[in-house]
Amino acid sequence: MMPFDAKVEIPGYEIFMMEKTLKGSMMGSNVFRKDMPQYVNMYLDGRLMLDEMVSQHIHLDQINDGYQAMQRREGTRTVIDF
């Protein structure tokens, strides 16, 4: 996640002369009903390596520790095991 006060530099020529646009996206902005079946198939086919994206597993009673690690930007993804 990008820090709240982060600045982004964009070459002016590309925006104005090449008529490019810049669009924000939160968590991929997916269309769940369309995209999720594709992601599931990609995972099952071995083309989407979700397991490698998980940096840690925690139990529900460790949720505060997981949240603090997220704030410190430690790891990539945390899975909560119930």
N, C-alpha and C. Protein backbone atom coordinates (compact mmCIF):
# COMPACT_ATOMS: atom_id res chain seq x y z
N MET A 1 0.85 -1.17 0.00
CA MET A 1 0.00 0.00 0.00
C MET A 1 0.90 1.23 0.00
N MET A 2 0.52 2.17 -0.78
CA MET A 2 1.29 3.41 -0.89
C MET A 2 1.04 4.29 0.34
N PRO A 3 2.09 4.90 0.92
CA PRO A 3 1.90 5.80 2.05
C PRO A 3 0.96 6.95 1.68
N PHE A 4 0.20 7.42 2.66
CA PHE A 4 -0.80 8.46 2.43
C PHE A 4 -0.20 9.72 1.81
N ASP A 5 1.00 10.10 2.24
CA ASP A 5 1.60 11.35 1.77
C ASP A 5 2.59 11.16 0.62
N ALA A 6 2.58 9.98 -0.02
CA ALA A 6 3.52 9.71 -1.12
C ALA A 6 3.20 10.58 -2.33
N LYS A 7 4.23 11.00 -3.02
CA LYS A 7 4.10 11.79 -4.25
C LYS A 7 4.48 10.91 -5.44
N VAL A 8 3.83 11.15 -6.57
CA VAL A 8 4.09 10.41 -7.80
C VAL A 8 4.47 11.40 -8.88
N GLU A 9 5.59 11.16 -9.55
CA GLU A 9 6.01 12.02 -10.66
C GLU A 9 5.58 11.38 -11.97
N ILE A 10 5.03 12.20 -12.85
CA ILE A 10 4.56 11.73 -14.15
C ILE A 10 5.14 12.62 -15.24
N PRO A 11 5.72 12.03 -16.28
CA PRO A 11 6.23 12.86 -17.39
C PRO A 11 5.08 13.61 -18.06
N GLY A 12 5.15 14.93 -18.07
CA GLY A 12 4.08 15.74 -18.64
C GLY A 12 3.83 15.48 -20.11
N TYR A 13 4.88 15.20 -20.87
CA TYR A 13 4.73 14.95 -22.30
C TYR A 13 3.78 13.79 -22.55
N GLU A 14 3.97 12.69 -21.81
CA GLU A 14 3.12 11.52 -22.04
C GLU A 14 1.66 11.79 -21.70
N ILE A 15 1.41 12.54 -20.65
CA ILE A 15 0.03 12.84 -20.26
C ILE A 15 -0.65 13.74 -21.29
N PHE A 16 0.02 14.82 -21.66
CA PHE A 16 -0.63 15.82 -22.51
C PHE A 16 -0.51 15.52 -24.00
N MET A 17 0.68 15.22 -24.46
CA MET A 17 0.88 15.05 -25.90
C MET A 17 0.46 13.67 -26.40
N MET A 18 0.58 12.65 -25.56
CA MET A 18 0.20 11.31 -25.99
C MET A 18 -1.18 10.92 -25.47
N GLU A 19 -1.86 11.87 -24.81
CA GLU A 19 -3.22 11.71 -24.31
C GLU A 19 -3.40 10.48 -23.42
N LYS A 20 -2.40 10.23 -22.58
CA LYS A 20 -2.52 9.13 -21.63
C LYS A 20 -3.29 9.61 -20.41
N THR A 21 -3.86 8.66 -19.68
CA THR A 21 -4.61 9.00 -18.48
C THR A 21 -4.02 8.24 -17.29
N LEU A 22 -4.29 8.75 -16.11
CA LEU A 22 -3.86 8.13 -14.87
C LEU A 22 -5.11 7.82 -14.06
N LYS A 23 -5.25 6.58 -13.64
CA LYS A 23 -6.43 6.17 -12.90
C LYS A 23 -6.02 5.42 -11.65
N GLY A 24 -6.58 5.79 -10.52
CA GLY A 24 -6.29 5.11 -9.27
C GLY A 24 -7.04 3.78 -9.18
N SER A 25 -6.53 2.89 -8.37
CA SER A 25 -7.14 1.58 -8.20
C SER A 25 -6.90 1.10 -6.78
N MET A 26 -7.95 0.71 -6.09
CA MET A 26 -7.82 0.20 -4.74
C MET A 26 -7.96 -1.31 -4.76
N MET A 27 -6.90 -2.01 -4.41
CA MET A 27 -6.90 -3.48 -4.35
C MET A 27 -7.28 -4.12 -5.68
N GLY A 28 -6.91 -3.49 -6.78
CA GLY A 28 -7.14 -4.08 -8.08
C GLY A 28 -8.46 -3.71 -8.73
N SER A 29 -9.41 -3.19 -7.97
CA SER A 29 -10.72 -2.80 -8.50
C SER A 29 -11.32 -3.88 -9.41
N ASN A 30 -11.35 -5.11 -8.92
CA ASN A 30 -11.84 -6.20 -9.77
C ASN A 30 -13.37 -6.22 -9.84
N VAL A 31 -13.87 -6.94 -10.82
CA VAL A 31 -15.30 -7.21 -10.96
C VAL A 31 -15.47 -8.65 -10.47
N PHE A 32 -15.91 -8.80 -9.22
CA PHE A 32 -15.85 -10.07 -8.52
C PHE A 32 -16.47 -11.23 -9.31
N ARG A 33 -17.70 -11.08 -9.78
CA ARG A 33 -18.38 -12.18 -10.46
C ARG A 33 -17.68 -12.62 -11.74
N LYS A 34 -16.99 -11.70 -12.39
CA LYS A 34 -16.28 -12.03 -13.62
C LYS A 34 -14.86 -12.50 -13.35
N ASP A 35 -14.17 -11.80 -12.46
CA ASP A 35 -12.75 -12.05 -12.26
C ASP A 35 -12.46 -13.24 -11.35
N MET A 36 -13.25 -13.44 -10.30
CA MET A 36 -12.92 -14.48 -9.32
C MET A 36 -12.89 -15.89 -9.92
N PRO A 37 -13.84 -16.28 -10.78
CA PRO A 37 -13.73 -17.61 -11.39
C PRO A 37 -12.43 -17.77 -12.20
N GLN A 38 -12.00 -16.71 -12.85
CA GLN A 38 -10.74 -16.77 -13.61
C GLN A 38 -9.56 -16.96 -12.67
N TYR A 39 -9.56 -16.25 -11.54
CA TYR A 39 -8.47 -16.39 -10.56
C TYR A 39 -8.44 -17.80 -9.98
N VAL A 40 -9.60 -18.36 -9.69
CA VAL A 40 -9.66 -19.72 -9.15
C VAL A 40 -9.09 -20.70 -10.16
N ASN A 41 -9.49 -20.58 -11.43
CA ASN A 41 -8.96 -21.47 -12.46
C ASN A 41 -7.46 -21.31 -12.63
N MET A 42 -6.97 -20.08 -12.59
CA MET A 42 -5.53 -19.85 -12.70
C MET A 42 -4.78 -20.50 -11.54
N TYR A 43 -5.34 -20.41 -10.34
CA TYR A 43 -4.71 -21.03 -9.17
C TYR A 43 -4.69 -22.55 -9.31
N LEU A 44 -5.83 -23.11 -9.68
CA LEU A 44 -5.91 -24.56 -9.82
C LEU A 44 -5.01 -25.09 -10.93
N ASP A 45 -4.80 -24.29 -11.97
CA ASP A 45 -3.91 -24.68 -13.08
C ASP A 45 -2.44 -24.43 -12.78
N GLY A 46 -2.14 -23.82 -11.62
CA GLY A 46 -0.76 -23.53 -11.26
C GLY A 46 -0.20 -22.27 -11.91
N ARG A 47 -1.08 -21.43 -12.45
CA ARG A 47 -0.63 -20.19 -13.10
C ARG A 47 -0.70 -18.98 -12.18
N LEU A 48 -1.32 -19.13 -11.02
CA LEU A 48 -1.40 -18.05 -10.03
C LEU A 48 -0.85 -18.61 -8.73
N MET A 49 0.32 -18.15 -8.34
CA MET A 49 1.06 -18.72 -7.22
C MET A 49 0.68 -18.02 -5.91
N LEU A 50 -0.52 -18.29 -5.42
CA LEU A 50 -1.00 -17.63 -4.21
C LEU A 50 -0.21 -18.04 -2.97
N ASP A 51 0.15 -19.31 -2.88
CA ASP A 51 0.85 -19.78 -1.69
C ASP A 51 2.17 -19.03 -1.48
N GLU A 52 2.84 -18.69 -2.56
CA GLU A 52 4.11 -17.97 -2.47
C GLU A 52 3.92 -16.51 -2.06
N MET A 53 2.70 -16.01 -2.16
CA MET A 53 2.43 -14.62 -1.79
C MET A 53 2.16 -14.45 -0.29
N VAL A 54 1.98 -15.55 0.42
CA VAL A 54 1.67 -15.49 1.85
C VAL A 54 2.97 -15.43 2.64
N SER A 55 3.12 -14.40 3.47
CA SER A 55 4.34 -14.26 4.25
C SER A 55 4.20 -14.86 5.65
N GLN A 56 2.97 -14.95 6.16
CA GLN A 56 2.80 -15.55 7.49
C GLN A 56 1.36 -16.02 7.69
N HIS A 57 1.22 -16.99 8.58
CA HIS A 57 -0.08 -17.46 9.05
C HIS A 57 -0.19 -17.08 10.52
N ILE A 58 -1.35 -16.58 10.93
CA ILE A 58 -1.58 -16.26 12.34
C ILE A 58 -2.92 -16.84 12.75
N HIS A 59 -3.10 -17.01 14.06
CA HIS A 59 -4.39 -17.43 14.60
C HIS A 59 -5.21 -16.18 14.93
N LEU A 60 -6.49 -16.36 15.06
CA LEU A 60 -7.38 -15.22 15.30
C LEU A 60 -6.98 -14.44 16.55
N ASP A 61 -6.49 -15.14 17.58
CA ASP A 61 -6.09 -14.42 18.79
C ASP A 61 -4.81 -13.61 18.61
N GLN A 62 -4.16 -13.71 17.45
CA GLN A 62 -2.96 -12.93 17.14
C GLN A 62 -3.27 -11.78 16.17
N ILE A 63 -4.54 -11.47 16.00
CA ILE A 63 -4.95 -10.49 15.00
C ILE A 63 -4.31 -9.12 15.24
N ASN A 64 -4.16 -8.73 16.50
CA ASN A 64 -3.53 -7.44 16.79
C ASN A 64 -2.07 -7.42 16.34
N ASP A 65 -1.36 -8.54 16.54
CA ASP A 65 0.03 -8.64 16.08
C ASP A 65 0.08 -8.55 14.55
N GLY A 66 -0.85 -9.20 13.88
CA GLY A 66 -0.90 -9.14 12.42
C GLY A 66 -1.17 -7.73 11.92
N TYR A 67 -2.06 -7.03 12.60
CA TYR A 67 -2.37 -5.66 12.21
C TYR A 67 -1.17 -4.74 12.41
N GLN A 68 -0.46 -4.93 13.52
CA GLN A 68 0.74 -4.12 13.78
C GLN A 68 1.83 -4.40 12.75
N ALA A 69 1.98 -5.67 12.35
CA ALA A 69 2.96 -6.01 11.32
C ALA A 69 2.60 -5.33 10.00
N MET A 70 1.30 -5.26 9.70
CA MET A 70 0.85 -4.59 8.48
C MET A 70 1.19 -3.11 8.53
N GLN A 71 0.98 -2.48 9.68
CA GLN A 71 1.30 -1.06 9.82
C GLN A 71 2.79 -0.80 9.67
N ARG A 72 3.62 -1.77 10.10
CA ARG A 72 5.08 -1.64 9.96
C ARG A 72 5.55 -2.05 8.57
N ARG A 73 4.62 -2.45 7.71
CA ARG A 73 4.92 -2.89 6.34
C ARG A 73 5.83 -4.11 6.32
N GLU A 74 5.57 -5.05 7.22
CA GLU A 74 6.33 -6.29 7.29
C GLU A 74 5.55 -7.39 6.57
N GLY A 75 6.19 -8.05 5.63
CA GLY A 75 5.55 -9.14 4.91
C GLY A 75 4.69 -8.65 3.77
N THR A 76 4.10 -9.61 3.09
CA THR A 76 3.25 -9.28 1.95
C THR A 76 1.78 -9.55 2.27
N ARG A 77 1.46 -10.80 2.57
CA ARG A 77 0.08 -11.18 2.89
C ARG A 77 0.08 -12.05 4.13
N THR A 78 -0.91 -11.84 4.97
CA THR A 78 -1.07 -12.64 6.18
C THR A 78 -2.39 -13.39 6.08
N VAL A 79 -2.36 -14.69 6.39
CA VAL A 79 -3.57 -15.52 6.39
C VAL A 79 -3.95 -15.77 7.83
N ILE A 80 -5.22 -15.55 8.15
CA ILE A 80 -5.72 -15.80 9.50
C ILE A 80 -6.33 -17.20 9.53
N ASP A 81 -5.75 -18.08 10.33
CA ASP A 81 -6.25 -19.44 10.48
C ASP A 81 -7.25 -19.49 11.62
N PHE A 82 -8.46 -19.98 11.34
CA PHE A 82 -9.50 -20.09 12.36
C PHE A 82 -9.47 -21.46 12.99
